[in-house]
PDB file of N, CA and C in Angstrom:
ATOM      1  N   MET A   1       0.854  -1.169   0.000  1.00  0.00           N
ATOM      2  CA  MET A   1       0.000   0.000   0.000  1.00  0.00           C
ATOM      3  C   MET A   1       0.909   1.244   0.000  1.00  0.00           C
ATOM      4  N   THR A   2       0.632   2.166  -0.895  1.00  0.00           N
ATOM      5  CA  THR A   2       1.423   3.394  -0.930  1.00  0.00           C
ATOM      6  C   THR A   2       1.015   4.307   0.233  1.00  0.00           C
ATOM      7  N   ASP A   3       1.845   5.300   0.505  1.00  0.00           N
ATOM      8  CA  ASP A   3       1.516   6.250   1.564  1.00  0.00           C
ATOM      9  C   ASP A   3       0.191   6.959   1.279  1.00  0.00           C
ATOM     10  N   THR A   4      -0.013   7.328   0.032  1.00  0.00           N
ATOM     11  CA  THR A   4      -1.256   8.006  -0.350  1.00  0.00           C
ATOM     12  C   THR A   4      -2.457   7.101  -0.153  1.00  0.00           C
ATOM     13  N   GLU A   5      -2.325   5.841  -0.542  1.00  0.00           N
ATOM     14  CA  GLU A   5      -3.415   4.875  -0.337  1.00  0.00           C
ATOM     15  C   GLU A   5      -3.678   4.679   1.147  1.00  0.00           C
ATOM     16  N   ARG A   6      -2.610   4.620   1.944  1.00  0.00           N
ATOM     17  CA  ARG A   6      -2.766   4.435   3.387  1.00  0.00           C
ATOM     18  C   ARG A   6      -3.511   5.623   3.994  1.00  0.00           C
ATOM     19  N   GLU A   7      -3.157   6.836   3.602  1.00  0.00           N
ATOM     20  CA  GLU A   7      -3.829   8.020   4.134  1.00  0.00           C
ATOM     21  C   GLU A   7      -5.303   8.043   3.743  1.00  0.00           C
ATOM     22  N   ARG A   8      -5.603   7.615   2.532  1.00  0.00           N
ATOM     23  CA  ARG A   8      -6.999   7.519   2.091  1.00  0.00           C
ATOM     24  C   ARG A   8      -7.744   6.479   2.930  1.00  0.00           C
ATOM     25  N   HIS A   9      -7.088   5.363   3.203  1.00  0.00           N
ATOM     26  CA  HIS A   9      -7.686   4.303   4.020  1.00  0.00           C
ATOM     27  C   HIS A   9      -7.949   4.811   5.445  1.00  0.00           C
ATOM     28  N   ILE A  10      -6.995   5.540   6.013  1.00  0.00           N
ATOM     29  CA  ILE A  10      -7.162   6.100   7.356  1.00  0.00           C
ATOM     30  C   ILE A  10      -8.365   7.035   7.377  1.00  0.00           C
ATOM     31  N   SER A  11      -8.456   7.887   6.376  1.00  0.00           N
ATOM     32  CA  SER A  11      -9.580   8.819   6.277  1.00  0.00           C
ATOM     33  C   SER A  11     -10.908   8.074   6.132  1.00  0.00           C
ATOM     34  N   ASP A  12     -10.924   7.063   5.271  1.00  0.00           N
ATOM     35  CA  ASP A  12     -12.147   6.273   5.073  1.00  0.00           C
ATOM     36  C   ASP A  12     -12.565   5.579   6.361  1.00  0.00           C
ATOM     37  N   CYS A  13     -11.606   4.991   7.067  1.00  0.00           N
ATOM     38  CA  CYS A  13     -11.927   4.321   8.336  1.00  0.00           C
ATOM     39  C   CYS A  13     -12.508   5.314   9.340  1.00  0.00           C
ATOM     40  N   GLY A  14     -11.921   6.497   9.408  1.00  0.00           N
ATOM     41  CA  GLY A  14     -12.426   7.516  10.322  1.00  0.00           C
ATOM     42  C   GLY A  14     -13.846   7.918   9.983  1.00  0.00           C
ATOM     43  N   ARG A  15     -14.110   8.104   8.705  1.00  0.00           N
ATOM     44  CA  ARG A  15     -15.465   8.472   8.270  1.00  0.00           C
ATOM     45  C   ARG A  15     -16.466   7.362   8.586  1.00  0.00           C
ATOM     46  N   LEU A  16     -16.078   6.119   8.327  1.00  0.00           N
ATOM     47  CA  LEU A  16     -16.967   4.989   8.603  1.00  0.00           C
ATOM     48  C   LEU A  16     -17.181   4.796  10.107  1.00  0.00           C
ATOM     49  N   MET A  17     -16.141   5.054  10.904  1.00  0.00           N
ATOM     50  CA  MET A  17     -16.269   4.982  12.354  1.00  0.00           C
ATOM     51  C   MET A  17     -17.283   6.013  12.839  1.00  0.00           C
ATOM     52  N   GLU A  18     -17.165   7.235  12.345  1.00  0.00           N
ATOM     53  CA  GLU A  18     -18.094   8.282  12.753  1.00  0.00           C
ATOM     54  C   GLU A  18     -19.525   7.954  12.337  1.00  0.00           C
ATOM     55  N   ALA A  19     -19.695   7.410  11.145  1.00  0.00           N
ATOM     56  CA  ALA A  19     -21.033   7.037  10.679  1.00  0.00           C
ATOM     57  C   ALA A  19     -21.624   5.945  11.570  1.00  0.00           C
ATOM     58  N   ALA A  20     -20.814   4.981  11.950  1.00  0.00           N
ATOM     59  CA  ALA A  20     -21.291   3.907  12.834  1.00  0.00           C
ATOM     60  C   ALA A  20     -21.657   4.456  14.207  1.00  0.00           C
ATOM     61  N   MET A  21     -20.859   5.410  14.715  1.00  0.00           N
ATOM     62  CA  MET A  21     -21.183   6.024  16.015  1.00  0.00           C
ATOM     63  C   MET A  21     -22.483   6.817  15.926  1.00  0.00           C
ATOM     64  N   ASP A  22     -22.710   7.500  14.815  1.00  0.00           N
ATOM     65  CA  ASP A  22     -23.967   8.228  14.617  1.00  0.00           C
ATOM     66  C   ASP A  22     -25.147   7.264  14.617  1.00  0.00           C
ATOM     67  N   ARG A  23     -24.977   6.132  13.917  1.00  0.00           N
ATOM     68  CA  ARG A  23     -26.053   5.128  13.909  1.00  0.00           C
ATOM     69  C   ARG A  23     -26.305   4.605  15.307  1.00  0.00           C
ATOM     70  N   TYR A  24     -25.230   4.343  16.051  1.00  0.00           N
ATOM     71  CA  TYR A  24     -25.367   3.847  17.423  1.00  0.00           C
ATOM     72  C   TYR A  24     -26.076   4.873  18.304  1.00  0.00           C
ATOM     73  N   ALA A  25     -25.749   6.138  18.139  1.00  0.00           N
ATOM     74  CA  ALA A  25     -26.393   7.187  18.939  1.00  0.00           C
ATOM     75  C   ALA A  25     -27.903   7.227  18.700  1.00  0.00           C
ATOM     76  N   GLU A  26     -28.296   6.924  17.483  1.00  0.00           N
ATOM     77  CA  GLU A  26     -29.722   6.929  17.152  1.00  0.00           C
ATOM     78  C   GLU A  26     -30.422   5.629  17.535  1.00  0.00           C
ATOM     79  N   SER A  27     -29.714   4.516  17.409  1.00  0.00           N
ATOM     80  CA  SER A  27     -30.374   3.208  17.547  1.00  0.00           C
ATOM     81  C   SER A  27     -30.087   2.492  18.856  1.00  0.00           C
ATOM     82  N   SER A  28     -28.980   2.815  19.505  1.00  0.00           N
ATOM     83  CA  SER A  28     -28.489   2.064  20.675  1.00  0.00           C
ATOM     84  C   SER A  28     -28.231   0.599  20.351  1.00  0.00           C
ATOM     85  N   ASP A  29     -28.072   0.296  19.073  1.00  0.00           N
ATOM     86  CA  ASP A  29     -27.800  -1.068  18.623  1.00  0.00           C
ATOM     87  C   ASP A  29     -26.311  -1.355  18.829  1.00  0.00           C
ATOM     88  N   LEU A  30     -26.024  -2.351  19.642  1.00  0.00           N
ATOM     89  CA  LEU A  30     -24.627  -2.669  19.945  1.00  0.00           C
ATOM     90  C   LEU A  30     -23.837  -3.103  18.717  1.00  0.00           C
ATOM     91  N   ALA A  31     -24.523  -3.588  17.689  1.00  0.00           N
ATOM     92  CA  ALA A  31     -23.824  -3.941  16.450  1.00  0.00           C
ATOM     93  C   ALA A  31     -23.201  -2.683  15.827  1.00  0.00           C
ATOM     94  N   ASP A  32     -23.913  -1.560  15.900  1.00  0.00           N
ATOM     95  CA  ASP A  32     -23.369  -0.302  15.385  1.00  0.00           C
ATOM     96  C   ASP A  32     -22.153   0.133  16.201  1.00  0.00           C
ATOM     97  N   LEU A  33     -22.216  -0.038  17.505  1.00  0.00           N
ATOM     98  CA  LEU A  33     -21.074   0.293  18.356  1.00  0.00           C
ATOM     99  C   LEU A  33     -19.884  -0.613  18.021  1.00  0.00           C
ATOM    100  N   GLY A  34     -20.170  -1.889  17.813  1.00  0.00           N
ATOM    101  CA  GLY A  34     -19.108  -2.826  17.423  1.00  0.00           C
ATOM    102  C   GLY A  34     -18.471  -2.438  16.102  1.00  0.00           C
ATOM    103  N   ASP A  35     -19.297  -1.993  15.151  1.00  0.00           N
ATOM    104  CA  ASP A  35     -18.763  -1.533  13.866  1.00  0.00           C
ATOM    105  C   ASP A  35     -17.837  -0.336  14.068  1.00  0.00           C
ATOM    106  N   ALA A  36     -18.258   0.598  14.918  1.00  0.00           N
ATOM    107  CA  ALA A  36     -17.430   1.778  15.174  1.00  0.00           C
ATOM    108  C   ALA A  36     -16.084   1.377  15.759  1.00  0.00           C
ATOM    109  N   HIS A  37     -16.095   0.450  16.704  1.00  0.00           N
ATOM    110  CA  HIS A  37     -14.839  -0.006  17.307  1.00  0.00           C
ATOM    111  C   HIS A  37     -13.961  -0.726  16.288  1.00  0.00           C
ATOM    112  N   ARG A  38     -14.584  -1.490  15.412  1.00  0.00           N
ATOM    113  CA  ARG A  38     -13.813  -2.202  14.376  1.00  0.00           C
ATOM    114  C   ARG A  38     -13.140  -1.204  13.436  1.00  0.00           C
ATOM    115  N   TRP A  39     -13.874  -0.177  12.984  1.00  0.00           N
ATOM    116  CA  TRP A  39     -13.288   0.831  12.101  1.00  0.00           C
ATOM    117  C   TRP A  39     -12.184   1.607  12.807  1.00  0.00           C
ATOM    118  N   ARG A  40     -12.368   1.877  14.107  1.00  0.00           N
ATOM    119  CA  ARG A  40     -11.337   2.579  14.872  1.00  0.00           C
ATOM    120  C   ARG A  40     -10.058   1.749  14.933  1.00  0.00           C
ATOM    121  N   ARG A  41     -10.204   0.453  15.206  1.00  0.00           N
ATOM    122  CA  ARG A  41      -9.027  -0.430  15.271  1.00  0.00           C
ATOM    123  C   ARG A  41      -8.304  -0.483  13.927  1.00  0.00           C
ATOM    124  N   LEU A  42      -9.066  -0.590  12.849  1.00  0.00           N
ATOM    125  CA  LEU A  42      -8.452  -0.615  11.515  1.00  0.00           C
ATOM    126  C   LEU A  42      -7.735   0.700  11.225  1.00  0.00           C
ATOM    127  N   MET A  43      -8.331   1.816  11.643  1.00  0.00           N
ATOM    128  CA  MET A  43      -7.701   3.112  11.448  1.00  0.00           C
ATOM    129  C   MET A  43      -6.400   3.199  12.245  1.00  0.00           C
ATOM    130  N   GLU A  44      -6.439   2.758  13.497  1.00  0.00           N
ATOM    131  CA  GLU A  44      -5.241   2.803  14.339  1.00  0.00           C
ATOM    132  C   GLU A  44      -4.136   1.904  13.783  1.00  0.00           C
ATOM    133  N   GLU A  45      -4.502   0.739  13.256  1.00  0.00           N
ATOM    134  CA  GLU A  45      -3.502  -0.145  12.649  1.00  0.00           C
ATOM    135  C   GLU A  45      -2.857   0.527  11.450  1.00  0.00           C
ATOM    136  N   ALA A  46      -3.668   1.198  10.643  1.00  0.00           N
ATOM    137  CA  ALA A  46      -3.127   1.883   9.468  1.00  0.00           C
ATOM    138  C   ALA A  46      -2.220   3.040   9.886  1.00  0.00           C
ATOM    139  N   ILE A  47      -2.605   3.764  10.917  1.00  0.00           N
ATOM    140  CA  ILE A  47      -1.771   4.862  11.417  1.00  0.00           C
ATOM    141  C   ILE A  47      -0.432   4.310  11.893  1.00  0.00           C
ATOM    142  N   SER A  48      -0.469   3.209  12.604  1.00  0.00           N
ATOM    143  CA  SER A  48       0.764   2.593  13.106  1.00  0.00           C
ATOM    144  C   SER A  48       1.656   2.096  11.972  1.00  0.00           C
ATOM    145  N   GLY A  49       1.069   1.817  10.828  1.00  0.00           N
ATOM    146  CA  GLY A  49       1.825   1.299   9.696  1.00  0.00           C
ATOM    147  C   GLY A  49       2.395   2.369   8.781  1.00  0.00           C
ATOM    148  N   ARG A  50       2.239   3.636   9.162  1.00  0.00           N
ATOM    149  CA  ARG A  50       2.801   4.706   8.339  1.00  0.00           C
ATOM    150  C   ARG A  50       4.310   4.536   8.220  1.00  0.00           C
ATOM    151  N   SER A  51       4.835   4.827   7.042  1.00  0.00           N
ATOM    152  CA  SER A  51       6.275   4.699   6.829  1.00  0.00           C
ATOM    153  C   SER A  51       7.009   5.805   7.582  1.00  0.00           C
ATOM    154  N   ALA A  52       8.243   5.511   7.958  1.00  0.00           N
ATOM    155  CA  ALA A  52       9.071   6.503   8.654  1.00  0.00           C
ATOM    156  C   ALA A  52       9.262   7.737   7.777  1.00  0.00           C
ATOM    157  N   GLU A  53       9.408   7.541   6.492  1.00  0.00           N
ATOM    158  CA  GLU A  53       9.573   8.668   5.565  1.00  0.00           C
ATOM    159  C   GLU A  53       8.333   9.557   5.561  1.00  0.00           C
ATOM    160  N   TRP A  54       7.143   8.957   5.556  1.00  0.00           N
ATOM    161  CA  TRP A  54       5.895   9.719   5.556  1.00  0.00           C
ATOM    162  C   TRP A  54       5.795  10.548   6.849  1.00  0.00           C
ATOM    163  N   VAL A  55       6.067   9.910   7.971  1.00  0.00           N
ATOM    164  CA  VAL A  55       5.993  10.602   9.260  1.00  0.00           C
ATOM    165  C   VAL A  55       6.987  11.765   9.287  1.00  0.00           C
ATOM    166  N   ARG A  56       8.208  11.526   8.830  1.00  0.00           N
ATOM    167  CA  ARG A  56       9.225  12.580   8.807  1.00  0.00           C
ATOM    168  C   ARG A  56       8.778  13.749   7.946  1.00  0.00           C
ATOM    169  N   ARG A  57       8.265  13.457   6.775  1.00  0.00           N
ATOM    170  CA  ARG A  57       7.822  14.501   5.843  1.00  0.00           C
ATOM    171  C   ARG A  57       6.674  15.322   6.434  1.00  0.00           C
ATOM    172  N   VAL A  58       5.709  14.660   7.036  1.00  0.00           N
ATOM    173  CA  VAL A  58       4.568  15.368   7.633  1.00  0.00           C
ATOM    174  C   VAL A  58       5.020  16.224   8.809  1.00  0.00           C
ATOM    175  N   GLU A  59       5.916  15.696   9.627  1.00  0.00           N
ATOM    176  CA  GLU A  59       6.424  16.480  10.761  1.00  0.00           C
ATOM    177  C   GLU A  59       7.171  17.710  10.276  1.00  0.00           C
ATOM    178  N   GLN A  60       7.956  17.569   9.216  1.00  0.00           N
ATOM    179  CA  GLN A  60       8.673  18.720   8.654  1.00  0.00           C
ATOM    180  C   GLN A  60       7.694  19.764   8.113  1.00  0.00           C
ATOM    181  N   GLU A  61       6.646  19.300   7.452  1.00  0.00           N
ATOM    182  CA  GLU A  61       5.653  20.231   6.914  1.00  0.00           C
ATOM    183  C   GLU A  61       4.951  20.985   8.028  1.00  0.00           C
ATOM    184  N   ARG A  62       4.653  20.308   9.115  1.00  0.00           N
ATOM    185  CA  ARG A  62       3.995  20.969  10.252  1.00  0.00           C
ATOM    186  C   ARG A  62       4.880  22.035  10.881  1.00  0.00           C
ATOM    187  N   ARG A  63       6.170  21.787  10.871  1.00  0.00           N
ATOM    188  CA  ARG A  63       7.116  22.763  11.430  1.00  0.00           C
ATOM    189  C   ARG A  63       7.448  23.857  10.420  1.00  0.00           C
ATOM    190  N   GLY A  64       7.080  23.649   9.179  1.00  0.00           N
ATOM    191  CA  GLY A  64       7.423  24.595   8.134  1.00  0.00           C
ATOM    192  C   GLY A  64       8.828  24.396   7.608  1.00  0.00           C
ATOM    193  N   ASP A  65       9.428  23.259   7.933  1.00  0.00           N
ATOM    194  CA  ASP A  65      10.799  22.931   7.540  1.00  0.00           C
ATOM    195  C   ASP A  65      10.742  22.091   6.276  1.00  0.00           C
ATOM    196  N   ARG A  66      11.002  22.668   5.148  1.00  0.00           N
ATOM    197  CA  ARG A  66      10.848  21.964   3.860  1.00  0.00           C
ATOM    198  C   ARG A  66      12.184  21.661   3.217  1.00  0.00           C
ATOM    199  N   ARG A  67      13.029  20.949   3.917  1.00  0.00           N
ATOM    200  CA  ARG A  67      14.370  20.604   3.409  1.00  0.00           C
ATOM    201  C   ARG A  67      14.308  19.744   2.200  1.00  0.00           C
TER     202      ARG A  67
END
């Protein structure tokens, strides 16, 4: 998976997690809560799998350091 694909996956997981939490808030259906937790775990796994180069580049951009 490329860095760009990984970031898209992280974003998608976050969006799906939020949608599942919204459904749970309306329905109190534990299946919706379980879905939200599953999407959160997948998002966290993808975040943990970010390449060192990607993390370095993003940190430099946040600092405004564009070496």
